Amino acid sequence: VTLVESGGGLVPPGGSLRLSCKISGPTSRADTVAWFRQAPGNEREFVAGLFRRGYNPYYADSVKGRFIMSRDNAGNTVYLEMSNLKAEDTGVYYCASDPRLVLSSLRLPSQYDYWGQGTQVTVSS
């Protein structure tokens, strides 16, 4: 499974961005997909996740009400719609997937087998 993120950039506070994660390879091995982010000097943190099929997305408390995660019908692309962006949203955003993840591990980056290269999001005036 190969994951490729796109859509990052520089945006002022209060602005919006849409990130995409293109999934190549057996999508059955990317049933669970999540977004993580990492700011300089910080650990990688969970942002949002889609656990298998048929579940609603899960979100970190810091992004609830501002970010929306979705997946296209074919399952090949995952999106992260980000609005009302804040300076603390700045970081490299990564897409990750795993075929065997259990729900209790959704927020743990160490549990994911497949990662994209990341896309930089900078929120600054």
PDB file of N, CA and C in Angstrom:
ATOM      1  N   VAL A   1       0.855  -1.204   0.000  1.00  0.00           N
ATOM      2  CA  VAL A   1       0.000   0.000   0.000  1.00  0.00           C
ATOM      3  C   VAL A   1       0.882   1.242   0.000  1.00  0.00           C
ATOM      4  N   THR A   2       0.585   2.157  -0.902  1.00  0.00           N
ATOM      5  CA  THR A   2       1.305   3.438  -0.980  1.00  0.00           C
ATOM      6  C   THR A   2       0.324   4.565  -0.720  1.00  0.00           C
ATOM      7  N   LEU A   3       0.739   5.499   0.117  1.00  0.00           N
ATOM      8  CA  LEU A   3      -0.094   6.645   0.460  1.00  0.00           C
ATOM      9  C   LEU A   3       0.628   7.916   0.042  1.00  0.00           C
ATOM     10  N   VAL A   4      -0.072   8.816  -0.638  1.00  0.00           N
ATOM     11  CA  VAL A   4       0.530  10.069  -1.086  1.00  0.00           C
ATOM     12  C   VAL A   4      -0.387  11.218  -0.700  1.00  0.00           C
ATOM     13  N   GLU A   5       0.131  12.098   0.164  1.00  0.00           N
ATOM     14  CA  GLU A   5      -0.645  13.252   0.598  1.00  0.00           C
ATOM     15  C   GLU A   5      -0.409  14.445  -0.320  1.00  0.00           C
ATOM     16  N   SER A   6      -1.404  15.317  -0.383  1.00  0.00           N
ATOM     17  CA  SER A   6      -1.273  16.571  -1.116  1.00  0.00           C
ATOM     18  C   SER A   6      -2.238  17.582  -0.520  1.00  0.00           C
ATOM     19  N   GLY A   7      -2.050  18.864  -0.906  1.00  0.00           N
ATOM     20  CA  GLY A   7      -2.993  19.899  -0.500  1.00  0.00           C
ATOM     21  C   GLY A   7      -2.509  20.820   0.596  1.00  0.00           C
ATOM     22  N   GLY A   8      -1.323  20.574   1.125  1.00  0.00           N
ATOM     23  CA  GLY A   8      -0.818  21.459   2.160  1.00  0.00           C
ATOM     24  C   GLY A   8      -0.424  22.817   1.599  1.00  0.00           C
ATOM     25  N   GLY A   9      -0.121  23.752   2.502  1.00  0.00           N
ATOM     26  CA  GLY A   9       0.298  25.073   2.067  1.00  0.00           C
ATOM     27  C   GLY A   9       0.283  26.064   3.206  1.00  0.00           C
ATOM     28  N   LEU A  10       0.435  27.333   2.838  1.00  0.00           N
ATOM     29  CA  LEU A  10       0.418  28.430   3.802  1.00  0.00           C
ATOM     30  C   LEU A  10      -0.955  29.090   3.784  1.00  0.00           C
ATOM     31  N   VAL A  11      -1.547  29.242   4.944  1.00  0.00           N
ATOM     32  CA  VAL A  11      -2.890  29.812   5.029  1.00  0.00           C
ATOM     33  C   VAL A  11      -2.953  30.715   6.260  1.00  0.00           C
ATOM     34  N   PRO A  12      -3.665  31.840   6.205  1.00  0.00           N
ATOM     35  CA  PRO A  12      -3.775  32.718   7.372  1.00  0.00           C
ATOM     36  C   PRO A  12      -4.703  32.106   8.414  1.00  0.00           C
ATOM     37  N   PRO A  13      -4.572  32.542   9.664  1.00  0.00           N
ATOM     38  CA  PRO A  13      -5.500  32.083  10.703  1.00  0.00           C
ATOM     39  C   PRO A  13      -6.948  32.336  10.291  1.00  0.00           C
ATOM     40  N   GLY A  14      -7.796  31.336  10.547  1.00  0.00           N
ATOM     41  CA  GLY A  14      -9.186  31.413  10.129  1.00  0.00           C
ATOM     42  C   GLY A  14      -9.442  30.857   8.742  1.00  0.00           C
ATOM     43  N   GLY A  15      -8.393  30.556   8.025  1.00  0.00           N
ATOM     44  CA  GLY A  15      -8.535  30.043   6.667  1.00  0.00           C
ATOM     45  C   GLY A  15      -8.849  28.555   6.616  1.00  0.00           C
ATOM     46  N   SER A  16      -8.907  28.026   5.391  1.00  0.00           N
ATOM     47  CA  SER A  16      -9.278  26.635   5.158  1.00  0.00           C
ATOM     48  C   SER A  16      -8.322  25.970   4.192  1.00  0.00           C
ATOM     49  N   LEU A  17      -8.204  24.668   4.330  1.00  0.00           N
ATOM     50  CA  LEU A  17      -7.433  23.844   3.400  1.00  0.00           C
ATOM     51  C   LEU A  17      -8.104  22.484   3.299  1.00  0.00           C
ATOM     52  N   ARG A  18      -7.903  21.816   2.161  1.00  0.00           N
ATOM     53  CA  ARG A  18      -8.345  20.435   2.025  1.00  0.00           C
ATOM     54  C   ARG A  18      -7.151  19.563   1.658  1.00  0.00           C
ATOM     55  N   LEU A  19      -6.856  18.620   2.515  1.00  0.00           N
ATOM     56  CA  LEU A  19      -5.793  17.661   2.258  1.00  0.00           C
ATOM     57  C   LEU A  19      -6.382  16.408   1.616  1.00  0.00           C
ATOM     58  N   SER A  20      -5.589  15.795   0.742  1.00  0.00           N
ATOM     59  CA  SER A  20      -5.984  14.547   0.111  1.00  0.00           C
ATOM     60  C   SER A  20      -4.924  13.490   0.376  1.00  0.00           C
ATOM     61  N   CYS A  21      -5.344  12.252   0.457  1.00  0.00           N
ATOM     62  CA  CYS A  21      -4.435  11.120   0.613  1.00  0.00           C
ATOM     63  C   CYS A  21      -4.843  10.078  -0.419  1.00  0.00           C
ATOM     64  N   LYS A  22      -4.014   9.912  -1.438  1.00  0.00           N
ATOM     65  CA  LYS A  22      -4.288   8.953  -2.493  1.00  0.00           C
ATOM     66  C   LYS A  22      -3.720   7.600  -2.095  1.00  0.00           C
ATOM     67  N   ILE A  23      -4.567   6.571  -2.127  1.00  0.00           N
ATOM     68  CA  ILE A  23      -4.165   5.229  -1.707  1.00  0.00           C
ATOM     69  C   ILE A  23      -3.986   4.358  -2.945  1.00  0.00           C
ATOM     70  N   SER A  24      -2.808   3.754  -3.074  1.00  0.00           N
ATOM     71  CA  SER A  24      -2.536   2.836  -4.172  1.00  0.00           C
ATOM     72  C   SER A  24      -2.222   1.460  -3.612  1.00  0.00           C
ATOM     73  N   GLY A  25      -2.626   0.437  -4.359  1.00  0.00           N
ATOM     74  CA  GLY A  25      -2.418  -0.920  -3.886  1.00  0.00           C
ATOM     75  C   GLY A  25      -3.721  -1.485  -3.372  1.00  0.00           C
ATOM     76  N   PRO A  26      -3.674  -2.625  -2.730  1.00  0.00           N
ATOM     77  CA  PRO A  26      -4.900  -3.264  -2.249  1.00  0.00           C
ATOM     78  C   PRO A  26      -5.593  -2.416  -1.190  1.00  0.00           C
ATOM     79  N   THR A  27      -6.722  -1.821  -1.559  1.00  0.00           N
ATOM     80  CA  THR A  27      -7.401  -0.955  -0.589  1.00  0.00           C
ATOM     81  C   THR A  27      -7.929  -1.754   0.597  1.00  0.00           C
ATOM     82  N   SER A  28      -8.030  -3.069   0.428  1.00  0.00           N
ATOM     83  CA  SER A  28      -8.449  -3.883   1.560  1.00  0.00           C
ATOM     84  C   SER A  28      -7.419  -3.840   2.680  1.00  0.00           C
ATOM     85  N   ARG A  29      -6.174  -3.510   2.330  1.00  0.00           N
ATOM     86  CA  ARG A  29      -5.133  -3.381   3.355  1.00  0.00           C
ATOM     87  C   ARG A  29      -5.089  -1.968   3.917  1.00  0.00           C
ATOM     88  N   ALA A  30      -6.012  -1.125   3.471  1.00  0.00           N
ATOM     89  CA  ALA A  30      -6.086   0.248   3.980  1.00  0.00           C
ATOM     90  C   ALA A  30      -7.484   0.516   4.487  1.00  0.00           C
ATOM     91  N   ASP A  31      -8.047  -0.488   5.151  1.00  0.00           N
ATOM     92  CA  ASP A  31      -9.403  -0.334   5.659  1.00  0.00           C
ATOM     93  C   ASP A  31      -9.495   0.784   6.683  1.00  0.00           C
ATOM     94  N   THR A  32      -8.539   0.830   7.575  1.00  0.00           N
ATOM     95  CA  THR A  32      -8.493   1.889   8.572  1.00  0.00           C
ATOM     96  C   THR A  32      -7.462   2.910   8.134  1.00  0.00           C
ATOM     97  N   VAL A  33      -7.877   4.161   8.020  1.00  0.00           N
ATOM     98  CA  VAL A  33      -7.002   5.242   7.583  1.00  0.00           C
ATOM     99  C   VAL A  33      -7.117   6.394   8.568  1.00  0.00           C
ATOM    100  N   ALA A  34      -6.005   7.034   8.851  1.00  0.00           N
ATOM    101  CA  ALA A  34      -6.013   8.133   9.808  1.00  0.00           C
ATOM    102  C   ALA A  34      -5.086   9.255   9.355  1.00  0.00           C
ATOM    103  N   TRP A  35      -5.338  10.416   9.880  1.00  0.00           N
ATOM    104  CA  TRP A  35      -4.459  11.568   9.701  1.00  0.00           C
ATOM    105  C   TRP A  35      -3.756  11.847  11.023  1.00  0.00           C
ATOM    106  N   PHE A  36      -2.456  12.064  10.927  1.00  0.00           N
ATOM    107  CA  PHE A  36      -1.654  12.482  12.062  1.00  0.00           C
ATOM    108  C   PHE A  36      -0.933  13.782  11.678  1.00  0.00           C
ATOM    109  N   ARG A  37      -0.428  14.496  12.652  1.00  0.00           N
ATOM    110  CA  ARG A  37       0.381  15.676  12.368  1.00  0.00           C
ATOM    111  C   ARG A  37       1.531  15.752  13.361  1.00  0.00           C
ATOM    112  N   GLN A  38       2.562  16.443  12.925  1.00  0.00           N
ATOM    113  CA  GLN A  38       3.737  16.598  13.774  1.00  0.00           C
ATOM    114  C   GLN A  38       4.311  17.987  13.596  1.00  0.00           C
ATOM    115  N   ALA A  39       4.370  18.722  14.696  1.00  0.00           N
ATOM    116  CA  ALA A  39       4.989  20.042  14.701  1.00  0.00           C
ATOM    117  C   ALA A  39       6.444  19.889  15.152  1.00  0.00           C
ATOM    118  N   PRO A  40       7.306  20.818  14.776  1.00  0.00           N
ATOM    119  CA  PRO A  40       8.720  20.731  15.175  1.00  0.00           C
ATOM    120  C   PRO A  40       8.867  20.593  16.682  1.00  0.00           C
ATOM    121  N   GLY A  41       9.655  19.600  17.085  1.00  0.00           N
ATOM    122  CA  GLY A  41       9.905  19.392  18.505  1.00  0.00           C
ATOM    123  C   GLY A  41       8.819  18.638  19.234  1.00  0.00           C
ATOM    124  N   ASN A  42       7.737  18.306  18.519  1.00  0.00           N
ATOM    125  CA  ASN A  42       6.616  17.592  19.149  1.00  0.00           C
ATOM    126  C   ASN A  42       6.513  16.168  18.619  1.00  0.00           C
ATOM    127  N   GLU A  43       5.816  15.342  19.370  1.00  0.00           N
ATOM    128  CA  GLU A  43       5.549  13.990  18.905  1.00  0.00           C
ATOM    129  C   GLU A  43       4.416  14.019  17.879  1.00  0.00           C
ATOM    130  N   ARG A  44       4.377  12.970  17.089  1.00  0.00           N
ATOM    131  CA  ARG A  44       3.301  12.841  16.114  1.00  0.00           C
ATOM    132  C   ARG A  44       1.989  12.607  16.866  1.00  0.00           C
ATOM    133  N   GLU A  45       0.949  13.352  16.485  1.00  0.00           N
ATOM    134  CA  GLU A  45      -0.316  13.246  17.190  1.00  0.00           C
ATOM    135  C   GLU A  45      -1.469  12.921  16.250  1.00  0.00           C
ATOM    136  N   PHE A  46      -2.437  12.215  16.787  1.00  0.00           N
ATOM    137  CA  PHE A  46      -3.636  11.831  16.050  1.00  0.00           C
ATOM    138  C   PHE A  46      -4.487  13.062  15.774  1.00  0.00           C
ATOM    139  N   VAL A  47      -5.017  13.129  14.549  1.00  0.00           N
ATOM    140  CA  VAL A  47      -5.916  14.224  14.173  1.00  0.00           C
ATOM    141  C   VAL A  47      -7.322  13.687  13.922  1.00  0.00           C
ATOM    142  N   ALA A  48      -7.420  12.683  13.036  1.00  0.00           N
ATOM    143  CA  ALA A  48      -8.724  12.123  12.681  1.00  0.00           C
ATOM    144  C   ALA A  48      -8.512  10.725  12.111  1.00  0.00           C
ATOM    145  N   GLY A  49      -9.528   9.875  12.232  1.00  0.00           N
ATOM    146  CA  GLY A  49      -9.394   8.516  11.734  1.00  0.00           C
ATOM    147  C   GLY A  49     -10.709   7.921  11.299  1.00  0.00           C
ATOM    148  N   LEU A  50     -10.638   7.093  10.263  1.00  0.00           N
ATOM    149  CA  LEU A  50     -11.780   6.318   9.797  1.00  0.00           C
ATOM    150  C   LEU A  50     -11.473   4.856  10.064  1.00  0.00           C
ATOM    151  N   PHE A  51     -12.230   4.267  10.980  1.00  0.00           N
ATOM    152  CA  PHE A  51     -11.997   2.875  11.352  1.00  0.00           C
ATOM    153  C   PHE A  51     -12.834   1.977  10.463  1.00  0.00           C
ATOM    154  N   ARG A  52     -12.160   1.205   9.607  1.00  0.00           N
ATOM    155  CA  ARG A  52     -12.804   0.271   8.704  1.00  0.00           C
ATOM    156  C   ARG A  52     -13.902   0.962   7.921  1.00  0.00           C
ATOM    157  N   ARG A  53     -14.908   0.241   7.524  1.00  0.00           N
ATOM    158  CA  ARG A  53     -15.990   0.814   6.734  1.00  0.00           C
ATOM    159  C   ARG A  53     -17.238   0.841   7.594  1.00  0.00           C
ATOM    160  N   GLY A  54     -18.037   1.874   7.407  1.00  0.00           N
ATOM    161  CA  GLY A  54     -19.310   1.918   8.103  1.00  0.00           C
ATOM    162  C   GLY A  54     -19.278   2.619   9.444  1.00  0.00           C
ATOM    163  N   TYR A  55     -18.088   3.084   9.857  1.00  0.00           N
ATOM    164  CA  TYR A  55     -17.987   3.818  11.108  1.00  0.00           C
ATOM    165  C   TYR A  55     -17.882   5.314  10.812  1.00  0.00           C
ATOM    166  N   ASN A  56     -18.405   6.119  11.698  1.00  0.00           N
ATOM    167  CA  ASN A  56     -18.202   7.562  11.584  1.00  0.00           C
ATOM    168  C   ASN A  56     -16.762   7.900  11.943  1.00  0.00           C
ATOM    169  N   PRO A  57     -16.260   9.020  11.437  1.00  0.00           N
ATOM    170  CA  PRO A  57     -14.882   9.405  11.763  1.00  0.00           C
ATOM    171  C   PRO A  57     -14.704   9.736  13.245  1.00  0.00           C
ATOM    172  N   TYR A  58     -13.488   9.535  13.715  1.00  0.00           N
ATOM    173  CA  TYR A  58     -13.103   9.937  15.065  1.00  0.00           C
ATOM    174  C   TYR A  58     -12.160  11.136  14.934  1.00  0.00           C
ATOM    175  N   TYR A  59     -12.257  12.044  15.891  1.00  0.00           N
ATOM    176  CA  TYR A  59     -11.454  13.265  15.839  1.00  0.00           C
ATOM    177  C   TYR A  59     -10.761  13.528  17.167  1.00  0.00           C
ATOM    178  N   ALA A  60      -9.597  14.167  17.082  1.00  0.00           N
ATOM    179  CA  ALA A  60      -8.970  14.697  18.280  1.00  0.00           C
ATOM    180  C   ALA A  60      -9.820  15.852  18.792  1.00  0.00           C
ATOM    181  N   ASP A  61      -9.836  16.026  20.092  1.00  0.00           N
ATOM    182  CA  ASP A  61     -10.651  17.096  20.676  1.00  0.00           C
ATOM    183  C   ASP A  61     -10.264  18.461  20.118  1.00  0.00           C
ATOM    184  N   SER A  62      -8.991  18.648  19.813  1.00  0.00           N
ATOM    185  CA  SER A  62      -8.494  19.946  19.363  1.00  0.00           C
ATOM    186  C   SER A  62      -9.011  20.344  17.983  1.00  0.00           C
ATOM    187  N   VAL A  63      -9.548  19.376  17.216  1.00  0.00           N
ATOM    188  CA  VAL A  63     -10.001  19.702  15.859  1.00  0.00           C
ATOM    189  C   VAL A  63     -11.494  19.465  15.664  1.00  0.00           C
ATOM    190  N   LYS A  64     -12.170  18.933  16.678  1.00  0.00           N
ATOM    191  CA  LYS A  64     -13.610  18.672  16.550  1.00  0.00           C
ATOM    192  C   LYS A  64     -14.355  19.951  16.213  1.00  0.00           C
ATOM    193  N   GLY A  65     -15.271  19.851  15.251  1.00  0.00           N
ATOM    194  CA  GLY A  65     -16.053  21.001  14.834  1.00  0.00           C
ATOM    195  C   GLY A  65     -15.369  21.860  13.786  1.00  0.00           C
ATOM    196  N   ARG A  66     -14.077  21.602  13.534  1.00  0.00           N
ATOM    197  CA  ARG A  66     -13.342  22.381  12.529  1.00  0.00           C
ATOM    198  C   ARG A  66     -12.846  21.517  11.372  1.00  0.00           C
ATOM    199  N   PHE A  67     -12.550  20.261  11.625  1.00  0.00           N
ATOM    200  CA  PHE A  67     -12.023  19.362  10.601  1.00  0.00           C
ATOM    201  C   PHE A  67     -13.071  18.289  10.281  1.00  0.00           C
ATOM    202  N   ILE A  68     -13.104  17.889   9.014  1.00  0.00           N
ATOM    203  CA  ILE A  68     -13.977  16.798   8.588  1.00  0.00           C
ATOM    204  C   ILE A  68     -13.173  15.821   7.746  1.00  0.00           C
ATOM    205  N   MET A  69     -13.212  14.546   8.140  1.00  0.00           N
ATOM    206  CA  MET A  69     -12.524  13.503   7.385  1.00  0.00           C
ATOM    207  C   MET A  69     -13.543  12.704   6.608  1.00  0.00           C
ATOM    208  N   SER A  70     -13.193  12.368   5.360  1.00  0.00           N
ATOM    209  CA  SER A  70     -14.099  11.587   4.532  1.00  0.00           C
ATOM    210  C   SER A  70     -13.293  10.703   3.589  1.00  0.00           C
ATOM    211  N   ARG A  71     -13.991   9.803   2.924  1.00  0.00           N
ATOM    212  CA  ARG A  71     -13.359   8.864   1.991  1.00  0.00           C
ATOM    213  C   ARG A  71     -14.273   8.737   0.781  1.00  0.00           C
ATOM    214  N   ASP A  72     -13.692   8.669  -0.404  1.00  0.00           N
ATOM    215  CA  ASP A  72     -14.524   8.556  -1.599  1.00  0.00           C
ATOM    216  C   ASP A  72     -15.115   7.154  -1.681  1.00  0.00           C
ATOM    217  N   ASN A  73     -16.113   6.992  -2.541  1.00  0.00           N
ATOM    218  CA  ASN A  73     -16.839   5.725  -2.601  1.00  0.00           C
ATOM    219  C   ASN A  73     -15.950   4.551  -2.998  1.00  0.00           C
ATOM    220  N   ALA A  74     -14.993   4.807  -3.852  1.00  0.00           N
ATOM    221  CA  ALA A  74     -14.101   3.729  -4.284  1.00  0.00           C
ATOM    222  C   ALA A  74     -13.095   3.358  -3.204  1.00  0.00           C
ATOM    223  N   GLY A  75     -12.966   4.228  -2.212  1.00  0.00           N
ATOM    224  CA  GLY A  75     -12.024   3.954  -1.130  1.00  0.00           C
ATOM    225  C   GLY A  75     -10.596   4.283  -1.456  1.00  0.00           C
ATOM    226  N   ASN A  76     -10.358   4.954  -2.599  1.00  0.00           N
ATOM    227  CA  ASN A  76      -8.994   5.213  -3.025  1.00  0.00           C
ATOM    228  C   ASN A  76      -8.416   6.522  -2.529  1.00  0.00           C
ATOM    229  N   THR A  77      -9.276   7.421  -2.091  1.00  0.00           N
ATOM    230  CA  THR A  77      -8.795   8.721  -1.646  1.00  0.00           C
ATOM    231  C   THR A  77      -9.484   9.102  -0.344  1.00  0.00           C
ATOM    232  N   VAL A  78      -8.694   9.608   0.562  1.00  0.00           N
ATOM    233  CA  VAL A  78      -9.198  10.089   1.845  1.00  0.00           C
ATOM    234  C   VAL A  78      -8.936  11.588   1.918  1.00  0.00           C
ATOM    235  N   TYR A  79      -9.883  12.319   2.474  1.00  0.00           N
ATOM    236  CA  TYR A  79      -9.773  13.770   2.542  1.00  0.00           C
ATOM    237  C   TYR A  79      -9.803  14.255   3.986  1.00  0.00           C
ATOM    238  N   LEU A  80      -9.189  15.406   4.190  1.00  0.00           N
ATOM    239  CA  LEU A  80      -9.297  16.097   5.472  1.00  0.00           C
ATOM    240  C   LEU A  80      -9.602  17.562   5.161  1.00  0.00           C
ATOM    241  N   GLU A  81     -10.872  17.929   5.396  1.00  0.00           N
ATOM    242  CA  GLU A  81     -11.293  19.310   5.208  1.00  0.00           C
ATOM    243  C   GLU A  81     -11.018  20.060   6.501  1.00  0.00           C
ATOM    244  N   MET A  82     -10.188  21.094   6.422  1.00  0.00           N
ATOM    245  CA  MET A  82      -9.800  21.844   7.610  1.00  0.00           C
ATOM    246  C   MET A  82     -10.292  23.277   7.483  1.00  0.00           C
ATOM    247  N   SER A  83     -11.011  23.741   8.477  1.00  0.00           N
ATOM    248  CA  SER A  83     -11.505  25.112   8.453  1.00  0.00           C
ATOM    249  C   SER A  83     -11.195  25.796   9.785  1.00  0.00           C
ATOM    250  N   ASN A  84     -11.354  27.127   9.791  1.00  0.00           N
ATOM    251  CA  ASN A  84     -11.044  27.919  10.978  1.00  0.00           C
ATOM    252  C   ASN A  84      -9.676  27.521  11.543  1.00  0.00           C
ATOM    253  N   LEU A  85      -8.698  27.489  10.667  1.00  0.00           N
ATOM    254  CA  LEU A  85      -7.371  27.023  11.055  1.00  0.00           C
ATOM    255  C   LEU A  85      -6.713  27.979  12.038  1.00  0.00           C
ATOM    256  N   LYS A  86      -5.935  27.397  12.936  1.00  0.00           N
ATOM    257  CA  LYS A  86      -5.244  28.158  13.971  1.00  0.00           C
ATOM    258  C   LYS A  86      -3.736  27.924  13.841  1.00  0.00           C
ATOM    259  N   ALA A  87      -2.975  28.798  14.452  1.00  0.00           N
ATOM    260  CA  ALA A  87      -1.516  28.674  14.389  1.00  0.00           C
ATOM    261  C   ALA A  87      -1.060  27.322  14.934  1.00  0.00           C
ATOM    262  N   GLU A  88      -1.764  26.821  15.926  1.00  0.00           N
ATOM    263  CA  GLU A  88      -1.370  25.537  16.530  1.00  0.00           C
ATOM    264  C   GLU A  88      -1.698  24.333  15.648  1.00  0.00           C
ATOM    265  N   ASP A  89      -2.356  24.557  14.525  1.00  0.00           N
ATOM    266  CA  ASP A  89      -2.581  23.479  13.552  1.00  0.00           C
ATOM    267  C   ASP A  89      -1.379  23.286  12.633  1.00  0.00           C
ATOM    268  N   THR A  90      -0.412  24.159  12.729  1.00  0.00           N
ATOM    269  CA  THR A  90       0.779  24.072  11.886  1.00  0.00           C
ATOM    270  C   THR A  90       1.546  22.788  12.142  1.00  0.00           C
ATOM    271  N   GLY A  91       1.997  22.159  11.062  1.00  0.00           N
ATOM    272  CA  GLY A  91       2.789  20.950  11.184  1.00  0.00           C
ATOM    273  C   GLY A  91       2.788  20.179   9.874  1.00  0.00           C
ATOM    274  N   VAL A  92       3.485  19.060   9.881  1.00  0.00           N
ATOM    275  CA  VAL A  92       3.452  18.152   8.750  1.00  0.00           C
ATOM    276  C   VAL A  92       2.322  17.157   8.995  1.00  0.00           C
ATOM    277  N   TYR A  93       1.446  17.045   8.022  1.00  0.00           N
ATOM    278  CA  TYR A  93       0.292  16.153   8.132  1.00  0.00           C
ATOM    279  C   TYR A  93       0.576  14.874   7.363  1.00  0.00           C
ATOM    280  N   TYR A  94       0.359  13.750   8.040  1.00  0.00           N
ATOM    281  CA  TYR A  94       0.621  12.442   7.479  1.00  0.00           C
ATOM    282  C   TYR A  94      -0.672  11.627   7.406  1.00  0.00           C
ATOM    283  N   CYS A  95      -0.757  10.849   6.348  1.00  0.00           N
ATOM    284  CA  CYS A  95      -1.819   9.872   6.185  1.00  0.00           C
ATOM    285  C   CYS A  95      -1.223   8.511   6.532  1.00  0.00           C
ATOM    286  N   ALA A  96      -1.983   7.694   7.255  1.00  0.00           N
ATOM    287  CA  ALA A  96      -1.494   6.378   7.650  1.00  0.00           C
ATOM    288  C   ALA A  96      -2.613   5.358   7.539  1.00  0.00           C
ATOM    289  N   SER A  97      -2.235   4.113   7.289  1.00  0.00           N
ATOM    290  CA  SER A  97      -3.253   3.063   7.210  1.00  0.00           C
ATOM    291  C   SER A  97      -2.716   1.759   7.781  1.00  0.00           C
ATOM    292  N   ASP A  98      -3.637   0.876   8.098  1.00  0.00           N
ATOM    293  CA  ASP A  98      -3.271  -0.431   8.618  1.00  0.00           C
ATOM    294  C   ASP A  98      -4.425  -1.390   8.412  1.00  0.00           C
ATOM    295  N   PRO A  99      -4.166  -2.644   8.027  1.00  0.00           N
ATOM    296  CA  PRO A  99      -5.254  -3.588   7.769  1.00  0.00           C
ATOM    297  C   PRO A  99      -5.772  -4.319   9.004  1.00  0.00           C
ATOM    298  N   ARG A 100      -5.002  -4.259  10.093  1.00  0.00           N
ATOM    299  CA  ARG A 100      -5.367  -5.099  11.241  1.00  0.00           C
ATOM    300  C   ARG A 100      -5.654  -4.311  12.511  1.00  0.00           C
ATOM    301  N   LEU A 101      -5.687  -3.005  12.392  1.00  0.00           N
ATOM    302  CA  LEU A 101      -5.824  -2.155  13.571  1.00  0.00           C
ATOM    303  C   LEU A 101      -7.133  -2.420  14.302  1.00  0.00           C
ATOM    304  N   VAL A 102      -7.071  -2.428  15.622  1.00  0.00           N
ATOM    305  CA  VAL A 102      -8.284  -2.492  16.409  1.00  0.00           C
ATOM    306  C   VAL A 102      -8.658  -1.079  16.835  1.00  0.00           C
ATOM    307  N   LEU A 103      -9.916  -0.886  17.151  1.00  0.00           N
ATOM    308  CA  LEU A 103     -10.420   0.456  17.408  1.00  0.00           C
ATOM    309  C   LEU A 103      -9.674   1.137  18.555  1.00  0.00           C
ATOM    310  N   SER A 104      -9.307   0.383  19.559  1.00  0.00           N
ATOM    311  CA  SER A 104      -8.627   0.977  20.714  1.00  0.00           C
ATOM    312  C   SER A 104      -7.249   1.521  20.369  1.00  0.00           C
ATOM    313  N   SER A 105      -6.716   1.138  19.216  1.00  0.00           N
ATOM    314  CA  SER A 105      -5.383   1.601  18.794  1.00  0.00           C
ATOM    315  C   SER A 105      -5.442   2.688  17.736  1.00  0.00           C
ATOM    316  N   LEU A 106      -6.626   3.151  17.413  1.00  0.00           N
ATOM    317  CA  LEU A 106      -6.792   4.095  16.307  1.00  0.00           C
ATOM    318  C   LEU A 106      -5.895   5.326  16.452  1.00  0.00           C
ATOM    319  N   ARG A 107      -5.715   5.811  17.673  1.00  0.00           N
ATOM    320  CA  ARG A 107      -4.991   7.067  17.904  1.00  0.00           C
ATOM    321  C   ARG A 107      -3.500   6.879  18.131  1.00  0.00           C
ATOM    322  N   LEU A 108      -2.996   5.666  17.989  1.00  0.00           N
ATOM    323  CA  LEU A 108      -1.599   5.362  18.293  1.00  0.00           C
ATOM    324  C   LEU A 108      -0.784   5.232  17.019  1.00  0.00           C
ATOM    325  N   PRO A 109       0.102   6.180  16.718  1.00  0.00           N
ATOM    326  CA  PRO A 109       0.877   6.112  15.473  1.00  0.00           C
ATOM    327  C   PRO A 109       1.743   4.861  15.378  1.00  0.00           C
ATOM    328  N   SER A 110       2.173   4.317  16.495  1.00  0.00           N
ATOM    329  CA  SER A 110       3.037   3.136  16.463  1.00  0.00           C
ATOM    330  C   SER A 110       2.333   1.903  15.913  1.00  0.00           C
ATOM    331  N   GLN A 111       1.012   1.948  15.824  1.00  0.00           N
ATOM    332  CA  GLN A 111       0.238   0.778  15.400  1.00  0.00           C
ATOM    333  C   GLN A 111      -0.010   0.732  13.896  1.00  0.00           C
ATOM    334  N   TYR A 112       0.454   1.726  13.161  1.00  0.00           N
ATOM    335  CA  TYR A 112       0.182   1.804  11.725  1.00  0.00           C
ATOM    336  C   TYR A 112       1.378   1.301  10.917  1.00  0.00           C
ATOM    337  N   ASP A 113       1.080   0.483   9.922  1.00  0.00           N
ATOM    338  CA  ASP A 113       2.131  -0.085   9.081  1.00  0.00           C
ATOM    339  C   ASP A 113       2.514   0.804   7.911  1.00  0.00           C
ATOM    340  N   TYR A 114       1.564   1.543   7.369  1.00  0.00           N
ATOM    341  CA  TYR A 114       1.791   2.282   6.131  1.00  0.00           C
ATOM    342  C   TYR A 114       1.640   3.787   6.368  1.00  0.00           C
ATOM    343  N   TRP A 115       2.600   4.546   5.817  1.00  0.00           N
ATOM    344  CA  TRP A 115       2.630   6.003   5.998  1.00  0.00           C
ATOM    345  C   TRP A 115       2.928   6.697   4.684  1.00  0.00           C
ATOM    346  N   GLY A 116       2.337   7.880   4.523  1.00  0.00           N
ATOM    347  CA  GLY A 116       2.714   8.738   3.417  1.00  0.00           C
ATOM    348  C   GLY A 116       3.931   9.573   3.794  1.00  0.00           C
ATOM    349  N   GLN A 117       4.368  10.415   2.853  1.00  0.00           N
ATOM    350  CA  GLN A 117       5.566  11.221   3.070  1.00  0.00           C
ATOM    351  C   GLN A 117       5.270  12.514   3.821  1.00  0.00           C
ATOM    352  N   GLY A 118       3.996  12.880   3.901  1.00  0.00           N
ATOM    353  CA  GLY A 118       3.596  14.067   4.632  1.00  0.00           C
ATOM    354  C   GLY A 118       3.446  15.290   3.752  1.00  0.00           C
ATOM    355  N   THR A 119       2.606  16.213   4.196  1.00  0.00           N
ATOM    356  CA  THR A 119       2.425  17.497   3.511  1.00  0.00           C
ATOM    357  C   THR A 119       2.409  18.600   4.566  1.00  0.00           C
ATOM    358  N   GLN A 120       3.135  19.680   4.277  1.00  0.00           N
ATOM    359  CA  GLN A 120       3.300  20.754   5.262  1.00  0.00           C
ATOM    360  C   GLN A 120       2.082  21.673   5.261  1.00  0.00           C
ATOM    361  N   VAL A 121       1.571  21.947   6.455  1.00  0.00           N
ATOM    362  CA  VAL A 121       0.522  22.942   6.644  1.00  0.00           C
ATOM    363  C   VAL A 121       1.069  24.015   7.571  1.00  0.00           C
ATOM    364  N   THR A 122       1.039  25.256   7.107  1.00  0.00           N
ATOM    365  CA  THR A 122       1.517  26.374   7.913  1.00  0.00           C
ATOM    366  C   THR A 122       0.401  27.397   8.033  1.00  0.00           C
ATOM    367  N   VAL A 123       0.023  27.698   9.262  1.00  0.00           N
ATOM    368  CA  VAL A 123      -1.020  28.684   9.525  1.00  0.00           C
ATOM    369  C   VAL A 123      -0.349  29.901  10.131  1.00  0.00           C
ATOM    370  N   SER A 124      -0.300  30.965   9.351  1.00  0.00           N
ATOM    371  CA  SER A 124       0.418  32.156   9.786  1.00  0.00           C
ATOM    372  C   SER A 124      -0.080  33.361   9.010  1.00  0.00           C
ATOM    373  N   SER A 125      -0.065  34.507   9.663  1.00  0.00           N
ATOM    374  CA  SER A 125      -0.427  35.734   8.975  1.00  0.00           C
ATOM    375  C   SER A 125       0.816  36.393   8.369  1.00  0.00           C
TER     376      SER A 125
END
